[in-house]
Amino acid sequence: MSTPHVVVVMGVAGTGKTTIGPLLAARLGVPYAEGDDFHPPANIAKMSAGVPLTDEDRWPWLDAIGAWAQGRAGLGGVVSSSALKRAYRDRLRASAPGIVFVHLTGDRPLIEDRMAHRQGHFMPTALLDSQFATLQPLEPDETGVAVDVSGSPEEITARAANALRDLERSSAQPSQ
């Protein structure tokens, strides 16, 4: 990408945000920020206990991610955030209007299998249903791309980078 956008790698738990985010950042030559690091300890405790977060729990987290993205405006960066609801993405865009979303998508059995095999993460598989129930995919007026998560991390990252490049090309073309 020629323009240094801030990219939010989004999707339900288990889609690979924490894996794909750093790979995409390296490919784009920009810094990566792990969205989970912006959660206050109370949020992590709730999720570790299998309790879904409320919107009120998420606002400070989203504001912290938005502040990071705003600080990277014009410089570029990649940050992970589930960003499951339109309202969450709107809140991120309010802080950093130029954000571009990469929505990692996949079917539930694949994602559940990946979650069952990962280690050292606080999000239990039991919360996957609430994640899918909450998910509102990107709408046509939101700047972003959907990227399938089947295949290796390198394949997914290549698909994401290509989709972002195609998005930038299409937005650079004059409308008729």
C-alpha atoms as a PDB file:
ATOM      1  CA  MET A   1       0.000   0.000   0.000  1.00  0.00           C
ATOM      2  CA  SER A   2       1.380   3.382  -0.884  1.00  0.00           C
ATOM      3  CA  THR A   3      -0.656   5.347   1.679  1.00  0.00           C
ATOM      4  CA  PRO A   4       0.254   4.701   5.324  1.00  0.00           C
ATOM      5  CA  HIS A   5      -3.161   3.620   6.615  1.00  0.00           C
ATOM      6  CA  VAL A   6      -3.886   2.254  10.049  1.00  0.00           C
ATOM      7  CA  VAL A   7      -5.300  -1.231   9.533  1.00  0.00           C
ATOM      8  CA  VAL A   8      -7.533  -2.889  12.125  1.00  0.00           C
ATOM      9  CA  VAL A   9      -7.430  -6.675  11.851  1.00  0.00           C
ATOM     10  CA  MET A  10     -10.863  -7.711  13.111  1.00  0.00           C
ATOM     11  CA  GLY A  11     -12.988 -10.816  13.576  1.00  0.00           C
ATOM     12  CA  VAL A  12     -14.284 -13.225  16.153  1.00  0.00           C
ATOM     13  CA  ALA A  13     -11.929 -14.908  18.603  1.00  0.00           C
ATOM     14  CA  GLY A  14      -9.841 -17.625  17.007  1.00  0.00           C
ATOM     15  CA  THR A  15      -9.673 -16.169  13.487  1.00  0.00           C
ATOM     16  CA  GLY A  16      -5.978 -15.407  13.882  1.00  0.00           C
ATOM     17  CA  LYS A  17      -5.875 -11.676  14.571  1.00  0.00           C
ATOM     18  CA  THR A  18      -2.825 -12.055  16.819  1.00  0.00           C
ATOM     19  CA  THR A  19      -1.046 -14.207  14.223  1.00  0.00           C
ATOM     20  CA  ILE A  20      -1.999 -12.338  11.059  1.00  0.00           C
ATOM     21  CA  GLY A  21      -1.685  -8.824  12.525  1.00  0.00           C
ATOM     22  CA  PRO A  22       2.103  -8.914  13.076  1.00  0.00           C
ATOM     23  CA  LEU A  23       2.673 -10.702   9.751  1.00  0.00           C
ATOM     24  CA  LEU A  24       0.621  -8.093   7.901  1.00  0.00           C
ATOM     25  CA  ALA A  25       2.389  -5.256   9.723  1.00  0.00           C
ATOM     26  CA  ALA A  26       5.780  -6.696   8.737  1.00  0.00           C
ATOM     27  CA  ARG A  27       4.645  -7.052   5.146  1.00  0.00           C
ATOM     28  CA  LEU A  28       3.424  -3.429   5.101  1.00  0.00           C
ATOM     29  CA  GLY A  29       6.510  -2.157   6.959  1.00  0.00           C
ATOM     30  CA  VAL A  30       4.546  -0.601   9.840  1.00  0.00           C
ATOM     31  CA  PRO A  31       4.325  -1.264  13.602  1.00  0.00           C
ATOM     32  CA  TYR A  32       1.875  -3.733  15.120  1.00  0.00           C
ATOM     33  CA  ALA A  33      -0.131  -3.274  18.330  1.00  0.00           C
ATOM     34  CA  GLU A  34      -1.857  -6.212  20.013  1.00  0.00           C
ATOM     35  CA  GLY A  35      -5.441  -5.199  20.741  1.00  0.00           C
ATOM     36  CA  ASP A  36      -5.676  -7.458  23.775  1.00  0.00           C
ATOM     37  CA  ASP A  37      -2.957  -5.369  25.440  1.00  0.00           C
ATOM     38  CA  PHE A  38      -5.380  -2.419  25.526  1.00  0.00           C
ATOM     39  CA  HIS A  39      -7.910  -4.314  27.704  1.00  0.00           C
ATOM     40  CA  PRO A  40      -8.084  -3.256  31.347  1.00  0.00           C
ATOM     41  CA  PRO A  41      -7.433  -6.103  33.832  1.00  0.00           C
ATOM     42  CA  ALA A  42     -11.154  -6.302  34.712  1.00  0.00           C
ATOM     43  CA  ASN A  43     -12.008  -7.182  31.099  1.00  0.00           C
ATOM     44  CA  ILE A  44      -9.398  -9.927  30.966  1.00  0.00           C
ATOM     45  CA  ALA A  45     -10.684 -11.344  34.266  1.00  0.00           C
ATOM     46  CA  LYS A  46     -14.246 -11.432  32.925  1.00  0.00           C
ATOM     47  CA  MET A  47     -13.267 -13.124  29.664  1.00  0.00           C
ATOM     48  CA  SER A  48     -11.004 -15.606  31.478  1.00  0.00           C
ATOM     49  CA  ALA A  49     -14.007 -16.554  33.601  1.00  0.00           C
ATOM     50  CA  GLY A  50     -16.084 -17.136  30.458  1.00  0.00           C
ATOM     51  CA  VAL A  51     -18.179 -13.989  30.948  1.00  0.00           C
ATOM     52  CA  PRO A  52     -18.834 -12.000  27.753  1.00  0.00           C
ATOM     53  CA  LEU A  53     -17.962  -8.318  27.887  1.00  0.00           C
ATOM     54  CA  THR A  54     -20.709  -5.707  27.783  1.00  0.00           C
ATOM     55  CA  ASP A  55     -20.578  -2.635  25.587  1.00  0.00           C
ATOM     56  CA  GLU A  56     -19.761  -0.600  28.692  1.00  0.00           C
ATOM     57  CA  ASP A  57     -16.745  -2.881  29.268  1.00  0.00           C
ATOM     58  CA  ARG A  58     -15.592  -2.358  25.692  1.00  0.00           C
ATOM     59  CA  TRP A  59     -15.797   1.453  25.399  1.00  0.00           C
ATOM     60  CA  PRO A  60     -12.538   2.224  27.308  1.00  0.00           C
ATOM     61  CA  TRP A  61     -10.780  -0.571  25.401  1.00  0.00           C
ATOM     62  CA  LEU A  62     -11.962   0.755  22.035  1.00  0.00           C
ATOM     63  CA  ASP A  63     -11.032   4.304  23.047  1.00  0.00           C
ATOM     64  CA  ALA A  64      -7.499   3.150  23.893  1.00  0.00           C
ATOM     65  CA  ILE A  65      -7.157   1.400  20.519  1.00  0.00           C
ATOM     66  CA  GLY A  66      -8.591   4.472  18.786  1.00  0.00           C
ATOM     67  CA  ALA A  67      -6.067   6.703  20.535  1.00  0.00           C
ATOM     68  CA  TRP A  68      -3.227   4.462  19.337  1.00  0.00           C
ATOM     69  CA  ALA A  69      -4.631   4.515  15.787  1.00  0.00           C
ATOM     70  CA  GLN A  70      -5.006   8.298  15.904  1.00  0.00           C
ATOM     71  CA  GLY A  71      -1.373   8.574  16.951  1.00  0.00           C
ATOM     72  CA  ARG A  72      -0.375   6.497  13.926  1.00  0.00           C
ATOM     73  CA  ALA A  73      -2.470   8.526  11.429  1.00  0.00           C
ATOM     74  CA  GLY A  74      -0.359   9.301   8.387  1.00  0.00           C
ATOM     75  CA  LEU A  75       2.351   6.938   9.627  1.00  0.00           C
ATOM     76  CA  GLY A  76       0.555   3.603   9.272  1.00  0.00           C
ATOM     77  CA  GLY A  77       0.157   0.712  11.622  1.00  0.00           C
ATOM     78  CA  VAL A  78      -1.710  -2.507  12.234  1.00  0.00           C
ATOM     79  CA  VAL A  79      -3.732  -3.217  15.371  1.00  0.00           C
ATOM     80  CA  SER A  80      -5.948  -6.147  16.258  1.00  0.00           C
ATOM     81  CA  SER A  81      -9.452  -5.684  17.635  1.00  0.00           C
ATOM     82  CA  SER A  82     -12.471  -7.929  17.418  1.00  0.00           C
ATOM     83  CA  ALA A  83     -14.508  -4.846  16.319  1.00  0.00           C
ATOM     84  CA  LEU A  84     -17.528  -7.136  16.094  1.00  0.00           C
ATOM     85  CA  LYS A  85     -20.242  -4.466  16.006  1.00  0.00           C
ATOM     86  CA  ARG A  86     -20.692  -1.541  13.675  1.00  0.00           C
ATOM     87  CA  ALA A  87     -20.925   0.704  16.754  1.00  0.00           C
ATOM     88  CA  TYR A  88     -17.440  -0.450  17.830  1.00  0.00           C
ATOM     89  CA  ARG A  89     -15.992   0.280  14.403  1.00  0.00           C
ATOM     90  CA  ASP A  90     -17.760   3.656  14.363  1.00  0.00           C
ATOM     91  CA  ARG A  91     -16.155   4.442  17.720  1.00  0.00           C
ATOM     92  CA  LEU A  92     -12.706   3.531  16.345  1.00  0.00           C
ATOM     93  CA  ARG A  93     -13.320   5.659  13.239  1.00  0.00           C
ATOM     94  CA  ALA A  94     -14.386   8.596  15.438  1.00  0.00           C
ATOM     95  CA  SER A  95     -10.852   8.607  16.880  1.00  0.00           C
ATOM     96  CA  ALA A  96      -9.032   7.726  13.660  1.00  0.00           C
ATOM     97  CA  PRO A  97     -11.179   8.434  10.571  1.00  0.00           C
ATOM     98  CA  GLY A  98      -8.771   6.861   8.069  1.00  0.00           C
ATOM     99  CA  ILE A  99      -8.879   3.370   9.578  1.00  0.00           C
ATOM    100  CA  VAL A 100      -9.159   0.441   7.164  1.00  0.00           C
ATOM    101  CA  PHE A 101     -10.537  -2.893   8.378  1.00  0.00           C
ATOM    102  CA  VAL A 102      -9.360  -6.389   7.484  1.00  0.00           C
ATOM    103  CA  HIS A 103     -12.160  -8.725   8.594  1.00  0.00           C
ATOM    104  CA  LEU A 104     -10.801 -12.242   9.090  1.00  0.00           C
ATOM    105  CA  THR A 105     -13.636 -14.640   8.294  1.00  0.00           C
ATOM    106  CA  GLY A 106     -14.107 -18.389   8.531  1.00  0.00           C
ATOM    107  CA  ASP A 107     -16.633 -21.035   9.379  1.00  0.00           C
ATOM    108  CA  ARG A 108     -17.338 -21.898  12.981  1.00  0.00           C
ATOM    109  CA  PRO A 109     -15.874 -25.465  12.969  1.00  0.00           C
ATOM    110  CA  LEU A 110     -12.511 -24.225  11.650  1.00  0.00           C
ATOM    111  CA  ILE A 111     -12.349 -21.383  14.168  1.00  0.00           C
ATOM    112  CA  GLU A 112     -13.438 -23.592  17.078  1.00  0.00           C
ATOM    113  CA  ASP A 113     -10.738 -26.122  16.163  1.00  0.00           C
ATOM    114  CA  ARG A 114      -8.089 -23.392  16.108  1.00  0.00           C
ATOM    115  CA  MET A 115      -9.256 -22.045  19.473  1.00  0.00           C
ATOM    116  CA  ALA A 116      -9.146 -25.520  21.004  1.00  0.00           C
ATOM    117  CA  HIS A 117      -5.489 -25.913  19.984  1.00  0.00           C
ATOM    118  CA  ARG A 118      -4.085 -22.544  20.982  1.00  0.00           C
ATOM    119  CA  GLN A 119      -2.255 -22.083  24.244  1.00  0.00           C
ATOM    120  CA  GLY A 120      -1.812 -19.200  26.624  1.00  0.00           C
ATOM    121  CA  HIS A 121      -4.891 -17.217  25.609  1.00  0.00           C
ATOM    122  CA  PHE A 122      -7.568 -16.040  28.030  1.00  0.00           C
ATOM    123  CA  MET A 123     -10.553 -16.386  25.660  1.00  0.00           C
ATOM    124  CA  PRO A 124     -12.251 -19.767  26.170  1.00  0.00           C
ATOM    125  CA  THR A 125     -13.978 -21.612  23.326  1.00  0.00           C
ATOM    126  CA  ALA A 126     -17.229 -21.291  25.310  1.00  0.00           C
ATOM    127  CA  LEU A 127     -17.438 -17.612  24.306  1.00  0.00           C
ATOM    128  CA  LEU A 128     -17.309 -18.355  20.570  1.00  0.00           C
ATOM    129  CA  ASP A 129     -21.114 -18.539  20.270  1.00  0.00           C
ATOM    130  CA  SER A 130     -21.496 -15.075  21.803  1.00  0.00           C
ATOM    131  CA  GLN A 131     -18.830 -13.750  19.428  1.00  0.00           C
ATOM    132  CA  PHE A 132     -20.670 -15.070  16.351  1.00  0.00           C
ATOM    133  CA  ALA A 133     -24.001 -13.815  17.725  1.00  0.00           C
ATOM    134  CA  THR A 134     -22.529 -10.335  18.193  1.00  0.00           C
ATOM    135  CA  LEU A 135     -20.688 -10.155  14.848  1.00  0.00           C
ATOM    136  CA  GLN A 136     -21.950  -7.565  12.374  1.00  0.00           C
ATOM    137  CA  PRO A 137     -19.914  -7.938   9.159  1.00  0.00           C
ATOM    138  CA  LEU A 138     -18.500  -4.874   7.428  1.00  0.00           C
ATOM    139  CA  GLU A 139     -21.146  -2.849   5.639  1.00  0.00           C
ATOM    140  CA  PRO A 140     -20.661  -1.446   2.109  1.00  0.00           C
ATOM    141  CA  ASP A 141     -19.985   2.065   3.422  1.00  0.00           C
ATOM    142  CA  GLU A 142     -17.157   0.851   5.704  1.00  0.00           C
ATOM    143  CA  THR A 143     -13.642   0.906   4.285  1.00  0.00           C
ATOM    144  CA  GLY A 144     -12.296  -2.601   4.523  1.00  0.00           C
ATOM    145  CA  VAL A 145     -11.989  -6.084   3.127  1.00  0.00           C
ATOM    146  CA  ALA A 146     -13.042  -9.571   4.198  1.00  0.00           C
ATOM    147  CA  VAL A 147     -10.320 -12.221   4.112  1.00  0.00           C
ATOM    148  CA  ASP A 148     -10.926 -15.956   4.484  1.00  0.00           C
ATOM    149  CA  VAL A 149      -8.815 -17.616   7.202  1.00  0.00           C
ATOM    150  CA  SER A 150      -8.402 -21.022   5.614  1.00  0.00           C
ATOM    151  CA  GLY A 151      -4.812 -21.977   4.857  1.00  0.00           C
ATOM    152  CA  SER A 152      -1.507 -21.082   6.438  1.00  0.00           C
ATOM    153  CA  PRO A 153      -0.784 -17.768   8.171  1.00  0.00           C
ATOM    154  CA  GLU A 154       1.418 -16.804   5.228  1.00  0.00           C
ATOM    155  CA  GLU A 155      -1.398 -17.509   2.740  1.00  0.00           C
ATOM    156  CA  ILE A 156      -3.901 -15.527   4.812  1.00  0.00           C
ATOM    157  CA  THR A 157      -1.454 -12.610   5.127  1.00  0.00           C
ATOM    158  CA  ALA A 158      -0.834 -12.614   1.371  1.00  0.00           C
ATOM    159  CA  ARG A 159      -4.608 -12.570   0.726  1.00  0.00           C
ATOM    160  CA  ALA A 160      -4.999  -9.671   3.170  1.00  0.00           C
ATOM    161  CA  ALA A 161      -2.163  -7.645   1.623  1.00  0.00           C
ATOM    162  CA  ASN A 162      -3.501  -8.259  -1.889  1.00  0.00           C
ATOM    163  CA  ALA A 163      -7.044  -7.310  -0.845  1.00  0.00           C
ATOM    164  CA  LEU A 164      -5.765  -4.084   0.740  1.00  0.00           C
ATOM    165  CA  ARG A 165      -3.781  -3.269  -2.398  1.00  0.00           C
ATOM    166  CA  ASP A 166      -6.875  -3.898  -4.566  1.00  0.00           C
ATOM    167  CA  LEU A 167      -8.967  -1.741  -2.217  1.00  0.00           C
ATOM    168  CA  GLU A 168      -6.491   1.108  -2.483  1.00  0.00           C
ATOM    169  CA  ARG A 169      -6.387   0.821  -6.271  1.00  0.00           C
ATOM    170  CA  SER A 170     -10.182   0.880  -6.542  1.00  0.00           C
ATOM    171  CA  SER A 171     -10.483   3.891  -4.225  1.00  0.00           C
ATOM    172  CA  ALA A 172      -7.794   5.762  -6.189  1.00  0.00           C
ATOM    173  CA  GLN A 173      -9.725   5.414  -9.452  1.00  0.00           C
ATOM    174  CA  PRO A 174     -12.000   8.342 -10.266  1.00  0.00           C
ATOM    175  CA  SER A 175     -15.699   7.557  -9.950  1.00  0.00           C
ATOM    176  CA  GLN A 176     -17.784   7.782 -13.083  1.00  0.00           C
END
